Protein backbone atom coordinates (compact mmCIF):
# COMPACT_ATOMS: atom_id res chain seq x y z
CA MET A 1 90.43 94.19 111.44
CA ASP A 2 90.81 93.90 107.53
CA PRO A 3 94.21 94.05 105.65
CA PRO A 4 93.56 97.52 104.03
CA THR A 5 92.68 99.04 107.85
CA ILE A 6 96.03 97.01 109.40
CA ALA A 7 98.04 98.73 106.33
CA GLY A 8 96.84 102.22 107.23
CA VAL A 9 97.68 101.63 110.76
CA VAL A 10 101.27 100.11 109.95
CA ILE A 11 101.89 103.15 107.63
CA GLY A 12 100.58 105.80 110.33
CA CYS A 13 102.59 104.11 112.81
CA CYS A 14 105.52 104.23 110.45
CA ALA A 15 105.20 107.77 109.95
CA GLY A 16 105.58 108.19 113.41
CA VAL A 17 106.22 111.49 114.78
CA GLY A 18 105.15 113.28 111.43
CA LEU A 19 101.47 112.25 111.95
CA ILE A 20 101.83 113.69 115.48
CA PHE A 21 103.57 116.75 114.84
CA CYS A 22 100.94 117.70 111.93
CA VAL A 23 98.07 117.85 114.51
CA TYR A 24 99.67 120.12 117.15
CA SER A 25 98.14 123.51 117.28
CA SER A 26 101.57 124.67 118.94
CA SER A 27 103.59 126.73 116.46
CA SER A 28 106.64 126.14 118.58
CA LEU A 29 108.81 123.19 117.62
CA LEU A 30 109.66 122.99 121.28
CA GLY A 31 106.23 123.03 122.39
CA ARG A 32 105.63 120.15 120.12
CA LEU A 33 108.09 118.17 121.55
CA ILE A 34 107.02 118.69 125.20
CA ALA A 35 103.36 118.11 124.15
CA LEU A 36 104.11 114.85 122.37
CA PRO A 37 104.03 112.27 125.38
CA ARG A 38 100.74 113.61 126.66
CA GLN A 39 98.55 113.70 123.13
CA THR A 40 96.20 110.70 123.35
CA CYS A 41 92.73 110.04 121.75
CA LYS A 42 89.80 109.79 123.78
CA GLU A 43 88.90 106.26 123.18
CA LYS A 44 90.11 103.29 121.30
CA ASN A 45 87.84 101.67 118.69
CA ARG A 46 86.89 97.79 119.67
CA ASN A 47 88.51 96.34 116.80
CA ALA A 48 91.73 98.38 117.07
CA VAL A 49 94.91 96.83 115.87
CA ARG A 50 97.09 95.62 118.56
CA VAL A 51 100.80 95.82 118.38
CA GLY A 52 103.46 94.19 120.24
CA ILE A 53 106.99 95.43 120.73
CA LEU A 54 110.24 93.14 120.43
CA GLY A 55 112.62 95.15 122.82
CA ALA A 56 112.55 97.76 124.94
CA ALA A 57 114.26 100.08 122.40
CA ASN A 58 114.83 103.55 122.76
CA ILE A 59 113.44 104.32 119.34
CA ALA A 60 110.03 102.76 120.19
CA PRO A 61 108.46 105.66 122.15
CA MET A 62 108.91 108.12 119.33
CA ALA A 63 108.54 105.80 116.80
CA LEU A 64 105.31 104.11 117.66
CA ILE A 65 104.20 104.43 121.44
CA PHE A 66 103.38 108.21 121.42
CA PRO A 67 102.05 108.45 117.85
CA ALA A 68 99.63 105.54 118.67
CA ARG A 69 98.25 107.35 121.54
CA LYS A 70 96.82 109.71 118.99
CA MET A 71 95.26 106.80 116.96
CA GLU A 72 91.88 105.38 117.55
CA ASP A 73 92.61 102.39 115.83
CA VAL A 74 95.84 101.11 117.24
CA VAL A 75 96.84 99.96 120.72
CA VAL A 76 100.34 99.23 121.88
CA ALA A 77 99.48 96.08 123.76
CA ALA A 78 102.56 94.18 124.62
CA VAL A 79 106.26 93.95 124.81
CA ALA A 80 109.06 91.74 125.49
CA ALA A 81 112.65 92.22 126.01
CA ARG A 82 116.02 90.47 126.48
CA SER A 83 115.70 91.08 130.61
CA PHE A 84 112.02 90.50 131.83
CA LYS A 85 112.74 93.15 134.60
CA LYS A 86 113.65 95.76 131.75
CA ALA A 87 110.35 94.80 129.98
CA GLN A 88 108.30 95.51 133.22
CA THR A 89 109.95 98.85 133.72
CA PHE A 90 109.42 99.91 130.02
CA ALA A 91 105.63 98.78 129.92
CA LYS A 92 105.19 100.64 133.44
CA LYS A 93 106.68 103.72 131.91
CA TYR A 94 104.71 103.72 128.93
CA GLY A 95 101.47 102.25 129.85
CA ILE A 96 101.84 98.74 128.04
CA GLU A 97 99.14 96.26 129.46
CA THR A 98 101.15 92.98 128.92
CA VAL A 99 104.57 91.91 129.52
CA HIS A 100 106.14 88.79 128.04
CA GLU A 101 109.09 86.92 129.30
CA ASN A 102 110.55 86.48 126.08
CA TYR A 103 110.33 87.30 122.47
CA ASN A 104 108.86 83.80 121.47
CA ASP A 105 105.93 84.38 123.88
CA LEU A 106 105.17 87.48 122.28
CA LEU A 107 104.92 86.00 118.96
CA ASP A 108 102.90 83.30 120.20
CA ASP A 109 100.40 85.75 121.75
CA ASP A 110 97.28 85.31 119.38
CA SER A 111 95.71 88.68 120.68
CA ILE A 112 98.70 90.73 118.65
CA ASP A 113 98.23 91.69 115.17
CA VAL A 114 101.21 93.43 114.45
CA ILE A 115 104.86 93.07 115.44
CA TYR A 116 107.32 96.06 115.71
CA ASN A 117 110.75 95.07 115.46
CA PRO A 118 113.29 97.77 116.58
CA LEU A 119 115.87 95.34 117.39
CA PRO A 120 119.65 95.72 116.48
CA ASN A 121 119.80 95.41 112.56
CA GLY A 122 121.54 91.90 112.74
CA MET A 123 118.46 90.41 114.73
CA HIS A 124 115.91 92.12 112.15
CA ALA A 125 115.68 89.19 109.49
CA PHE A 126 115.55 86.20 112.00
CA TRP A 127 112.80 87.76 114.47
CA THR A 128 110.70 89.30 111.80
CA ILE A 129 110.49 85.97 109.84
CA GLU A 130 109.57 84.23 113.17
CA ALA A 131 106.70 86.94 113.61
CA LEU A 132 105.57 86.18 110.05
CA LYS A 133 105.70 82.41 110.26
CA ARG A 134 103.26 83.13 113.45
CA GLY A 135 100.97 84.98 111.21
CA LYS A 136 102.06 88.49 112.17
CA HIS A 137 102.26 91.61 110.28
CA VAL A 138 105.52 93.30 110.76
CA LEU A 139 106.78 97.05 111.04
CA CYS A 140 110.77 96.49 111.01
CA GLU A 141 112.86 99.22 111.56
CA LYS A 142 115.49 100.28 108.95
CA PRO A 143 117.57 98.89 107.59
CA LEU A 144 115.46 96.02 106.98
CA ALA A 145 117.98 93.51 107.39
CA SER A 146 122.03 92.94 107.02
CA ASN A 147 122.10 91.81 103.59
CA ALA A 148 120.08 91.26 100.60
CA ASP A 149 119.70 87.57 100.91
CA GLU A 150 117.94 87.98 104.28
CA VAL A 151 115.45 90.36 102.78
CA ARG A 152 114.47 88.19 100.17
CA ALA A 153 114.04 85.39 102.66
CA MET A 154 111.62 87.91 104.71
CA ILE A 155 109.78 88.72 101.72
CA LYS A 156 109.09 85.24 100.90
CA ALA A 157 108.21 84.58 104.20
CA ALA A 158 105.72 87.63 104.21
CA ALA A 159 104.24 86.27 100.92
CA GLU A 160 103.90 82.58 102.24
CA ASN A 161 102.44 82.73 105.47
CA LYS A 162 98.87 84.11 106.05
CA PRO A 163 97.18 85.84 108.94
CA LYS A 164 95.60 83.85 111.59
CA ASP A 165 92.08 85.07 110.75
CA GLY A 166 92.26 82.97 107.73
CA ARG A 167 92.30 85.48 105.13
CA LYS A 168 94.04 84.57 101.85
CA GLU A 169 96.19 87.69 101.54
CA GLY A 170 99.78 87.59 102.66
CA LEU A 171 101.02 89.38 105.55
CA LEU A 172 102.49 93.09 105.49
CA LEU A 173 106.11 93.49 105.68
CA VAL A 174 106.78 97.24 106.08
CA GLU A 175 110.40 98.89 106.53
CA ALA A 176 110.11 102.12 108.90
CA PHE A 177 111.17 104.81 106.70
CA HIS A 178 108.84 107.07 107.87
CA TYR A 179 109.43 109.92 105.63
CA ARG A 180 108.30 107.93 102.53
CA PHE A 181 104.68 108.61 103.80
CA HIS A 182 105.12 112.12 104.34
CA PRO A 183 103.68 114.47 101.28
CA LEU A 184 106.99 115.75 100.72
CA ALA A 185 108.37 112.28 99.63
CA ARG A 186 105.55 112.06 97.05
CA GLU A 187 106.20 115.74 95.72
CA ILE A 188 109.90 114.45 94.93
CA SER A 189 108.39 111.52 93.09
CA ARG A 190 105.88 113.54 90.97
CA LEU A 191 108.52 115.96 90.07
CA VAL A 192 110.97 113.15 88.86
CA LYS A 193 108.28 111.03 87.47
CA SER A 194 106.53 113.92 85.59
CA GLY A 195 109.63 115.22 83.59
CA VAL A 196 108.82 118.82 85.03
CA ILE A 197 112.38 119.03 85.98
CA GLY A 198 113.69 117.57 82.81
CA GLU A 199 116.03 114.46 82.49
CA VAL A 200 117.88 113.47 85.92
CA SER A 201 121.68 113.77 85.33
CA HIS A 202 123.06 113.60 89.09
CA ILE A 203 121.49 112.92 92.51
CA GLU A 204 123.29 113.59 95.80
CA ALA A 205 122.10 112.75 99.44
CA ASN A 206 123.55 112.79 102.72
CA PHE A 207 122.88 112.01 106.31
CA GLU A 208 125.57 112.70 108.49
CA ILE A 209 125.12 112.68 112.35
CA PRO A 210 126.98 115.36 114.24
CA TRP A 211 128.00 113.01 117.45
CA PRO A 212 131.79 113.25 117.42
CA PHE A 213 131.80 111.10 121.00
CA PRO A 214 128.92 108.68 120.62
CA PRO A 215 128.38 106.36 123.85
CA LYS A 216 129.76 103.12 123.70
CA SER A 217 126.53 101.97 125.52
CA ASP A 218 124.60 102.60 122.18
CA ILE A 219 125.08 99.54 119.88
CA ARG A 220 124.42 101.67 116.67
CA PHE A 221 128.02 103.52 117.74
CA ASP A 222 129.67 100.37 118.80
CA MET A 223 133.16 101.23 118.02
CA ASN A 224 135.03 98.81 119.61
CA GLY A 225 134.45 96.01 116.79
CA SER A 226 132.83 93.68 119.42
CA ASN A 227 129.30 93.93 117.85
CA SER A 228 130.03 93.65 114.17
CA GLU A 229 127.61 90.99 113.98
CA LEU A 230 124.73 93.19 114.93
CA ALA A 231 125.34 94.95 111.35
CA GLY A 232 125.65 98.61 112.74
CA GLY A 233 127.74 101.24 111.55
CA SER A 234 127.21 104.52 109.66
CA LEU A 235 126.32 102.92 106.41
CA MET A 236 123.63 100.82 107.57
CA ASP A 237 122.06 103.05 110.00
CA ALA A 238 122.69 106.48 108.51
CA GLY A 239 123.28 105.66 105.25
CA CYS A 240 120.47 103.55 104.40
CA TYR A 241 118.25 106.85 104.67
CA ALA A 242 120.71 108.51 101.61
CA VAL A 243 120.50 105.44 99.53
CA ASN A 244 116.89 105.07 100.00
CA VAL A 245 115.95 108.72 99.23
CA MET A 246 118.55 108.57 96.40
CA ARG A 247 116.51 105.46 95.02
CA LEU A 248 113.05 107.73 95.27
CA ALA A 249 114.83 110.19 93.07
CA THR A 250 115.96 107.69 90.44
CA ASP A 251 112.42 106.89 89.72
CA GLY A 252 112.97 103.21 89.86
CA LYS A 253 116.14 103.09 88.00
CA GLU A 254 119.03 101.17 89.52
CA PRO A 255 122.72 101.62 89.47
CA SER A 256 125.08 99.44 87.56
CA GLU A 257 128.10 99.84 89.33
CA ILE A 258 129.72 101.65 92.17
CA SER A 259 132.38 103.83 90.74
CA THR A 260 134.08 104.99 93.84
CA SER A 261 133.73 104.54 97.51
CA LYS A 262 135.48 105.64 100.51
CA ILE A 263 134.84 104.09 104.28
CA ILE A 264 136.45 105.22 107.47
CA GLU A 265 136.66 102.50 110.09
CA SER A 266 137.04 103.07 113.84
CA TYR A 267 137.47 99.24 114.14
CA LYS A 268 137.54 96.54 111.57
CA GLY A 269 133.87 96.06 110.48
CA ILE A 270 132.43 99.04 112.20
CA ASP A 271 132.40 102.27 109.91
CA GLN A 272 131.85 105.65 111.12
CA SER A 273 131.46 107.43 107.94
CA ALA A 274 130.90 106.43 104.20
CA ASP A 275 131.12 108.26 100.79
CA ALA A 276 130.21 106.21 97.36
CA GLN A 277 129.38 107.16 93.77
CA PHE A 278 127.09 105.23 91.78
CA ASP A 279 126.73 104.94 88.02
CA PHE A 280 123.60 104.09 86.13
CA GLU A 281 123.47 102.73 82.33
CA ASN A 282 121.69 105.77 81.29
CA GLY A 283 124.90 107.95 82.07
CA MET A 284 123.25 109.23 85.40
CA THR A 285 125.34 109.33 88.34
CA ALA A 286 124.61 109.80 92.40
CA ARG A 287 126.58 110.21 95.14
CA ILE A 288 125.73 109.31 98.81
CA LYS A 289 127.77 110.50 102.19
CA CYS A 290 126.93 109.35 105.85
CA ALA A 291 128.78 109.52 109.27
CA PHE A 292 128.25 108.79 112.60
CA ARG A 293 130.93 111.17 114.17
CA ALA A 294 130.41 114.31 112.05
CA TRP A 295 131.72 117.46 113.10
CA GLY A 296 129.25 120.31 113.26
CA LEU A 297 125.56 120.52 112.19
CA LYS A 298 124.90 118.83 108.51
CA VAL A 299 121.13 119.04 107.57
CA PRO A 300 120.14 115.89 105.72
CA LYS A 301 119.98 117.06 102.01
CA LEU A 302 118.60 115.87 98.82
CA LYS A 303 119.89 117.50 95.36
CA VAL A 304 118.60 116.41 92.08
CA GLU A 305 120.38 117.81 88.86
CA ALA A 306 118.23 117.71 85.73
CA THR A 307 118.27 119.35 82.34
CA LYS A 308 115.66 121.80 83.25
CA PHE A 309 115.62 122.57 86.84
CA ASN A 310 117.75 121.39 89.96
CA LEU A 311 115.69 120.12 92.90
CA TYR A 312 117.10 120.83 96.36
CA VAL A 313 115.32 119.16 99.51
CA TYR A 314 116.43 120.28 103.06
CA ASN A 315 115.71 117.92 105.80
CA TYR A 316 114.09 115.21 103.64
CA LEU A 317 114.91 112.86 106.70
CA ALA A 318 112.07 114.76 109.04
CA PRO A 319 110.02 116.75 107.02
CA PHE A 320 107.56 117.10 109.57
CA VAL A 321 110.02 119.52 111.23
CA TYR A 322 110.75 121.70 108.48
CA HIS A 323 108.08 121.57 105.83
């Protein structure tokens, strides 16, 4: 399959649940959720992109497996996990044909075109680079890596390595911010770029999860400090959305400094909330807020203050539900 087709499939899976929700005839959100796992296409194309999953992650069914069932051009063909037994159970539950004993065996599978990496944040860079070295395109869960140096190394690996089919183009490396592929994100960008709302002066974005008692079994909510090397915490897992949509609304402008910041740590190295303000060289400012242990329902919002109009976007994070 040629790179443009693979790009379309990766973007389709990245858009994930959004693509699935768009095709349901049911007007009920509950009905959509109930029907989601049962939606399938009649037949897969012979040259469909074959995807392998690194890890039996909880996000994989909603982000990839269920959307892929609706797509003729993609097959979730293999999985590997830390525990072979866990991978077998996962594969049986979701109808995945091949189970590999370890991550390396999956990456060495020549029948796989794309690797989906939903591993803990701190493992994104290493295993993504390993996949790229083996000629695999990668759809990596957000945040792409633990730090900027890792991201640079990942981008370099994508550019330097080539697909196994001998094509000269570099490999695709896509960060799974699904909302970016929804028409709402394109409209936000258009309104800012076109100047319809005027010159932007201030941006605010938040993603605060109403989960006052996160389970210790979920590594994203690891509040005991034992897994800080996995790069968890609210800023990495939730705040990355707020920062990402803020950057969408800046029309490519990058902040010159962080003027104020506040982080609340449950334990050293594990933040449960963050609040920061950014200054830009043109005088524009921006503020992001995120939390894992917020009280009450706080809808993810984006506010863009400009000289002609203010732009308000409710639930930018999951636009397929609200917009």
